[in-house]
Amino acid sequence: MRGLPWLTLSPVVLLVFVAVFAQLIMPYDPAAQDYSAVLAGPSAQHFFGTDYLGRDIFSRIVGGAQVSMVAMAIVLVAALVIGVVLGSLAGYIGGTVELVLISIIDIILALPSLVIALALIGIMGTGYWSMIFALTMAWWANYARMSRAVVTAELQQPYIEAVRVMGAGHLWIFVRHILPHVLALVVVYASADAGALVLSIATLSFLGLGVAPPTPEWGQMLVDGMGYIEEYPSLVIIPGLALTFVVVSFNLLGEAFALQKVPSPISGRLLRRRRAARAAEEVQRAEIERQGRASA
């Protein structure tokens, strides 16, 4: 992360900071209702105004950031663990195990992740943890496919065979030599998927299948503001901008991670230095050969 530009990293750091210290940042209880300040405009008391129940919108935006980021982190960690374990198992063992797991992965990837989540929520019922489980089951397959591809490629490398000849066990080979390559790839994709995952959480809450009121959540805030969109468009615009900010921030972070893997072009000055050093080495080598022939 040392080479990442701060312009790309700063928005994500800000989001994490807001999610961690939300209880200290929120000036009001996001669920507290004040009927004397219903649909109030922005002011020193309410930075973004209030909604139709007199709840402070700024507090609900900050609380929604905490809910969304925590849910996203749980789903990503769970999906990464499941995907890396099953994908690596398929690539390392091979044979029937690989065939069965790859078939399951292909079936899951053939369906949109949101459709899988909706189907699972329809079976289990609505609720926060039902949403977490459904999104995890819809998200792990892509990481499993990438993990299996990396493991299969690494097993063909000569150094793996050399480690086996030296007597290393399967667990040591996987943890020490293969797993770092797997994580280097899936973490890049996970950072880009974080924004899409927050959007999926908001979508399920918008449909009434995710976070239930009065818990602050951006998708639920969009639903609450739809009835007042003509008179008070800020009730929809503010949570919509928050969602857009999160998605764009994580997409830029994922792109920055991916660009770290691309070799940077050599500058003209450095290229000239390398050519001059190579020419000097050739001259020195020729001089040594000439002196050797003269002494012979």
Protein backbone atom coordinates (compact mmCIF):
# COMPACT_ATOMS: atom_id res chain seq x y z
CA MET A 1 0.00 0.00 0.00
CA ARG A 2 3.05 2.26 0.18
CA GLY A 3 2.80 3.08 -3.53
CA LEU A 4 -0.90 3.85 -3.55
CA PRO A 5 -1.79 7.51 -4.21
CA TRP A 6 -3.32 9.26 -1.21
CA LEU A 7 -6.01 10.75 -3.43
CA THR A 8 -7.29 7.20 -3.99
CA LEU A 9 -6.73 5.90 -0.48
CA SER A 10 -8.10 8.89 1.46
CA PRO A 11 -11.84 8.36 0.72
CA VAL A 12 -11.67 4.74 1.90
CA VAL A 13 -9.76 5.76 5.02
CA LEU A 14 -12.45 8.38 5.68
CA LEU A 15 -15.22 5.78 5.32
CA VAL A 16 -13.47 3.39 7.70
CA PHE A 17 -12.94 6.22 10.19
CA VAL A 18 -16.62 7.20 10.06
CA ALA A 19 -17.73 3.58 10.47
CA VAL A 20 -15.42 2.97 13.46
CA PHE A 21 -16.17 6.22 15.30
CA ALA A 22 -19.81 6.63 14.24
CA GLN A 23 -21.06 6.73 17.84
CA LEU A 24 -18.80 9.69 18.54
CA ILE A 25 -19.55 11.51 15.28
CA MET A 26 -23.35 11.29 15.38
CA PRO A 27 -24.80 14.36 17.18
CA TYR A 28 -28.14 12.59 17.78
CA ASP A 29 -29.52 9.11 18.15
CA PRO A 30 -30.33 8.15 14.52
CA ALA A 31 -33.60 6.54 15.65
CA ALA A 32 -34.70 9.42 17.92
CA GLN A 33 -37.84 11.20 16.67
CA ASP A 34 -38.52 14.91 17.15
CA TYR A 35 -41.97 15.86 15.91
CA SER A 36 -41.26 19.53 16.55
CA ALA A 37 -38.61 19.48 13.79
CA VAL A 38 -40.28 17.38 11.10
CA LEU A 39 -38.80 17.88 7.61
CA ALA A 40 -36.63 20.74 8.80
CA GLY A 41 -34.03 22.14 6.47
CA PRO A 42 -30.26 22.19 7.05
CA SER A 43 -29.25 24.21 10.09
CA ALA A 44 -26.63 24.41 12.83
CA GLN A 45 -28.64 21.87 14.86
CA HIS A 46 -29.29 19.51 11.94
CA PHE A 47 -26.55 19.69 9.30
CA PHE A 48 -28.55 17.85 6.61
CA GLY A 49 -32.01 18.60 8.00
CA THR A 50 -34.52 16.06 9.32
CA ASP A 51 -36.83 13.48 7.78
CA TYR A 52 -40.59 13.02 8.03
CA LEU A 53 -40.29 11.72 11.60
CA GLY A 54 -37.93 14.46 12.74
CA ARG A 55 -34.86 12.18 12.76
CA ASP A 56 -31.52 13.84 12.10
CA ILE A 57 -30.40 12.96 8.56
CA PHE A 58 -26.70 13.51 9.24
CA SER A 59 -26.81 11.07 12.15
CA ARG A 60 -28.65 8.53 10.00
CA ILE A 61 -26.10 8.91 7.19
CA VAL A 62 -23.23 8.29 9.63
CA GLY A 63 -25.10 5.40 11.26
CA GLY A 64 -25.89 3.98 7.84
CA ALA A 65 -22.20 4.10 6.95
CA GLN A 66 -21.41 2.03 10.03
CA VAL A 67 -24.14 -0.52 9.28
CA SER A 68 -23.17 -0.83 5.61
CA MET A 69 -19.42 -1.04 6.21
CA VAL A 70 -19.76 -3.64 8.97
CA ALA A 71 -22.11 -5.78 6.87
CA MET A 72 -19.81 -5.43 3.85
CA ALA A 73 -16.76 -6.44 5.89
CA ILE A 74 -18.51 -9.52 7.31
CA VAL A 75 -19.68 -10.69 3.90
CA LEU A 76 -16.31 -10.06 2.23
CA VAL A 77 -14.32 -11.88 4.91
CA ALA A 78 -16.71 -14.84 4.94
CA ALA A 79 -16.85 -15.04 1.13
CA LEU A 80 -13.05 -14.79 0.88
CA VAL A 81 -12.51 -17.56 3.43
CA ILE A 82 -15.02 -19.89 1.77
CA GLY A 83 -13.87 -19.08 -1.76
CA VAL A 84 -10.14 -19.36 -1.06
CA VAL A 85 -10.53 -22.63 0.87
CA LEU A 86 -12.79 -24.37 -1.63
CA GLY A 87 -11.06 -22.99 -4.72
CA SER A 88 -7.62 -23.89 -3.43
CA LEU A 89 -8.85 -27.34 -2.44
CA ALA A 90 -10.19 -27.90 -5.94
CA GLY A 91 -6.97 -26.75 -7.60
CA TYR A 92 -4.61 -28.60 -5.27
CA ILE A 93 -6.36 -31.97 -5.05
CA GLY A 94 -7.75 -32.11 -8.59
CA GLY A 95 -9.61 -35.12 -9.92
CA THR A 96 -13.20 -35.73 -8.86
CA VAL A 97 -13.06 -33.14 -6.09
CA GLU A 98 -12.07 -30.46 -8.57
CA LEU A 99 -14.75 -31.53 -11.05
CA VAL A 100 -17.53 -31.41 -8.44
CA LEU A 101 -16.46 -28.06 -6.96
CA ILE A 102 -15.93 -26.42 -10.34
CA SER A 103 -19.39 -27.57 -11.44
CA ILE A 104 -20.94 -25.99 -8.35
CA ILE A 105 -18.95 -22.80 -8.90
CA ASP A 106 -20.02 -22.59 -12.55
CA ILE A 107 -23.67 -23.01 -11.61
CA ILE A 108 -23.47 -20.21 -9.05
CA LEU A 109 -21.59 -17.90 -11.42
CA ALA A 110 -24.18 -18.52 -14.13
CA LEU A 111 -26.78 -16.72 -12.00
CA PRO A 112 -26.70 -13.04 -10.98
CA SER A 113 -25.58 -12.68 -7.38
CA LEU A 114 -28.61 -10.58 -6.47
CA VAL A 115 -30.96 -13.27 -7.78
CA ILE A 116 -29.23 -15.88 -5.59
CA ALA A 117 -29.49 -13.57 -2.58
CA LEU A 118 -33.18 -12.92 -3.19
CA ALA A 119 -33.87 -16.65 -3.52
CA LEU A 120 -32.07 -17.48 -0.27
CA ILE A 121 -33.78 -14.66 1.62
CA GLY A 122 -37.11 -15.92 0.29
CA ILE A 123 -36.33 -19.32 1.81
CA MET A 124 -34.90 -18.15 5.14
CA GLY A 125 -36.93 -15.00 5.68
CA THR A 126 -35.91 -11.38 5.95
CA GLY A 127 -33.48 -10.00 8.50
CA TYR A 128 -29.96 -8.71 8.94
CA TRP A 129 -28.24 -12.09 9.33
CA SER A 130 -30.33 -13.65 6.58
CA MET A 131 -29.04 -10.90 4.29
CA ILE A 132 -25.45 -11.52 5.43
CA PHE A 133 -25.72 -15.26 4.76
CA ALA A 134 -27.46 -14.80 1.41
CA LEU A 135 -24.87 -12.32 0.11
CA THR A 136 -22.02 -14.52 1.32
CA MET A 137 -23.44 -17.52 -0.56
CA ALA A 138 -23.85 -15.36 -3.66
CA TRP A 139 -20.33 -13.87 -3.51
CA TRP A 140 -17.89 -16.68 -2.68
CA ALA A 141 -17.90 -18.48 -6.05
CA ASN A 142 -15.94 -15.83 -7.92
CA TYR A 143 -13.13 -15.93 -5.36
CA ALA A 144 -13.14 -19.73 -5.51
CA ARG A 145 -12.71 -19.68 -9.28
CA MET A 146 -9.79 -17.25 -9.06
CA SER A 147 -8.17 -19.22 -6.24
CA ARG A 148 -8.41 -22.48 -8.17
CA ALA A 149 -6.83 -20.87 -11.25
CA VAL A 150 -3.91 -19.47 -9.25
CA VAL A 151 -3.28 -22.77 -7.42
CA THR A 152 -3.36 -24.73 -10.67
CA ALA A 153 -0.86 -22.35 -12.27
CA GLU A 154 1.47 -22.33 -9.26
CA LEU A 155 1.55 -26.13 -9.06
CA GLN A 156 3.15 -26.17 -12.52
CA GLN A 157 6.09 -24.04 -11.37
CA PRO A 158 9.47 -25.79 -11.00
CA TYR A 159 10.09 -24.45 -7.50
CA ILE A 160 7.04 -26.34 -6.18
CA GLU A 161 8.53 -29.61 -7.39
CA ALA A 162 11.86 -28.63 -5.85
CA VAL A 163 10.19 -28.01 -2.48
CA ARG A 164 8.48 -31.40 -2.69
CA VAL A 165 11.79 -33.12 -3.40
CA MET A 166 13.22 -31.44 -0.33
CA GLY A 167 10.54 -33.15 1.75
CA ALA A 168 8.07 -30.32 2.42
CA GLY A 169 4.54 -31.37 3.32
CA HIS A 170 1.36 -30.38 1.50
CA LEU A 171 0.27 -27.91 4.20
CA TRP A 172 3.67 -26.19 4.22
CA ILE A 173 3.75 -25.95 0.44
CA PHE A 174 0.28 -24.44 0.29
CA VAL A 175 0.60 -21.98 3.18
CA ARG A 176 4.18 -20.89 2.49
CA HIS A 177 4.37 -20.87 -1.32
CA ILE A 178 0.86 -20.89 -2.85
CA LEU A 179 -1.46 -19.02 -0.48
CA PRO A 180 0.39 -15.67 -0.78
CA HIS A 181 -0.13 -15.71 -4.56
CA VAL A 182 -3.81 -16.55 -4.10
CA LEU A 183 -4.40 -13.74 -1.60
CA ALA A 184 -2.50 -11.24 -3.75
CA LEU A 185 -5.09 -11.73 -6.49
CA VAL A 186 -8.35 -12.16 -4.58
CA VAL A 187 -7.73 -9.17 -2.29
CA VAL A 188 -7.45 -6.91 -5.33
CA TYR A 189 -10.81 -8.11 -6.63
CA ALA A 190 -12.33 -7.95 -3.14
CA SER A 191 -11.39 -4.28 -2.78
CA ALA A 192 -13.22 -3.52 -6.03
CA ASP A 193 -16.18 -5.72 -5.03
CA ALA A 194 -16.67 -3.83 -1.76
CA GLY A 195 -18.52 -0.99 -3.47
CA ALA A 196 -20.81 -3.35 -5.37
CA LEU A 197 -21.48 -5.23 -2.15
CA VAL A 198 -22.53 -2.04 -0.30
CA LEU A 199 -24.83 -1.31 -3.23
CA SER A 200 -26.33 -4.82 -2.95
CA ILE A 201 -26.93 -4.30 0.77
CA ALA A 202 -28.72 -1.03 0.02
CA THR A 203 -30.74 -2.72 -2.73
CA LEU A 204 -31.97 -5.48 -0.42
CA SER A 205 -32.84 -2.93 2.25
CA PHE A 206 -34.63 -0.83 -0.37
CA LEU A 207 -36.75 -3.88 -1.21
CA GLY A 208 -37.47 -4.47 2.47
CA LEU A 209 -35.38 -7.66 2.60
CA GLY A 210 -32.28 -6.43 4.41
CA VAL A 211 -31.76 -4.08 7.32
CA ALA A 212 -35.09 -3.41 9.00
CA PRO A 213 -36.16 0.01 10.31
CA PRO A 214 -35.55 1.94 12.50
CA THR A 215 -31.90 0.89 12.03
CA PRO A 216 -30.29 3.56 9.82
CA GLU A 217 -29.36 2.22 6.39
CA TRP A 218 -28.99 4.09 3.12
CA GLY A 219 -31.30 1.87 1.09
CA GLN A 220 -33.99 2.19 3.74
CA MET A 221 -33.49 5.97 3.75
CA LEU A 222 -34.14 6.01 0.01
CA VAL A 223 -37.44 4.20 0.57
CA ASP A 224 -38.44 6.63 3.32
CA GLY A 225 -37.68 9.63 1.12
CA MET A 226 -39.43 8.43 -2.03
CA GLY A 227 -42.80 9.77 -0.85
CA TYR A 228 -41.35 13.25 -0.36
CA ILE A 229 -39.08 13.41 -3.39
CA GLU A 230 -40.90 16.32 -5.02
CA GLU A 231 -41.14 18.58 -1.97
CA TYR A 232 -37.96 17.45 -0.19
CA PRO A 233 -35.59 15.86 -2.75
CA SER A 234 -32.70 16.00 -0.28
CA LEU A 235 -34.21 12.99 1.52
CA VAL A 236 -33.30 10.92 -1.55
CA ILE A 237 -30.31 12.85 -2.90
CA ILE A 238 -28.20 12.70 0.29
CA PRO A 239 -28.28 8.90 0.80
CA GLY A 240 -27.90 8.47 -2.96
CA LEU A 241 -24.75 10.59 -2.92
CA ALA A 242 -23.44 8.60 0.04
CA LEU A 243 -23.90 5.35 -1.91
CA THR A 244 -22.26 6.85 -4.99
CA PHE A 245 -19.30 8.04 -2.91
CA VAL A 246 -18.75 4.57 -1.44
CA VAL A 247 -19.01 2.74 -4.77
CA VAL A 248 -16.68 5.15 -6.59
CA SER A 249 -14.17 5.15 -3.71
CA PHE A 250 -13.83 1.38 -3.58
CA ASN A 251 -13.77 1.07 -7.37
CA LEU A 252 -10.88 3.54 -7.51
CA LEU A 253 -9.11 1.64 -4.72
CA GLY A 254 -9.49 -1.66 -6.59
CA GLU A 255 -8.18 -0.07 -9.78
CA ALA A 256 -5.21 1.37 -7.88
CA PHE A 257 -4.43 -2.06 -6.43
CA ALA A 258 -4.62 -3.60 -9.89
CA LEU A 259 -2.32 -0.95 -11.37
CA GLN A 260 0.27 -1.79 -8.72
CA LYS A 261 0.71 -5.14 -10.51
CA VAL A 262 1.44 -3.43 -13.85
CA PRO A 263 5.15 -2.67 -14.42
CA SER A 264 5.75 1.06 -14.70
CA PRO A 265 7.43 2.25 -17.92
CA ILE A 266 11.14 3.04 -17.74
CA SER A 267 11.95 6.71 -18.11
CA GLY A 268 14.24 7.89 -20.90
CA ARG A 269 16.95 8.99 -18.47
CA LEU A 270 17.01 5.63 -16.66
CA LEU A 271 17.06 3.80 -19.99
CA ARG A 272 20.07 5.82 -21.15
CA ARG A 273 21.86 5.07 -17.87
CA ARG A 274 21.27 1.37 -18.26
CA ARG A 275 22.51 1.42 -21.85
CA ALA A 276 25.64 3.34 -20.81
CA ALA A 277 26.31 0.90 -17.95
CA ARG A 278 25.85 -2.06 -20.30
CA ALA A 279 28.22 -0.50 -22.85
CA ALA A 280 30.80 0.08 -20.12
CA GLU A 281 30.51 -3.56 -19.05
CA GLU A 282 31.03 -4.69 -22.64
CA VAL A 283 34.13 -2.51 -22.98
CA GLN A 284 35.54 -3.82 -19.70
CA ARG A 285 34.86 -7.43 -20.70
CA ALA A 286 36.55 -6.89 -24.08
CA GLU A 287 39.59 -5.33 -22.37
CA ILE A 288 39.91 -8.30 -20.01
CA GLU A 289 39.71 -10.75 -22.92
CA ARG A 290 42.35 -8.77 -24.85
CA GLN A 291 44.72 -8.78 -21.87
CA GLY A 292 44.17 -12.53 -21.45
CA ARG A 293 45.09 -13.22 -25.07
CA ALA A 294 48.15 -10.94 -24.82
CA SER A 295 49.47 -12.75 -21.73
CA ALA A 296 48.92 -16.12 -23.40
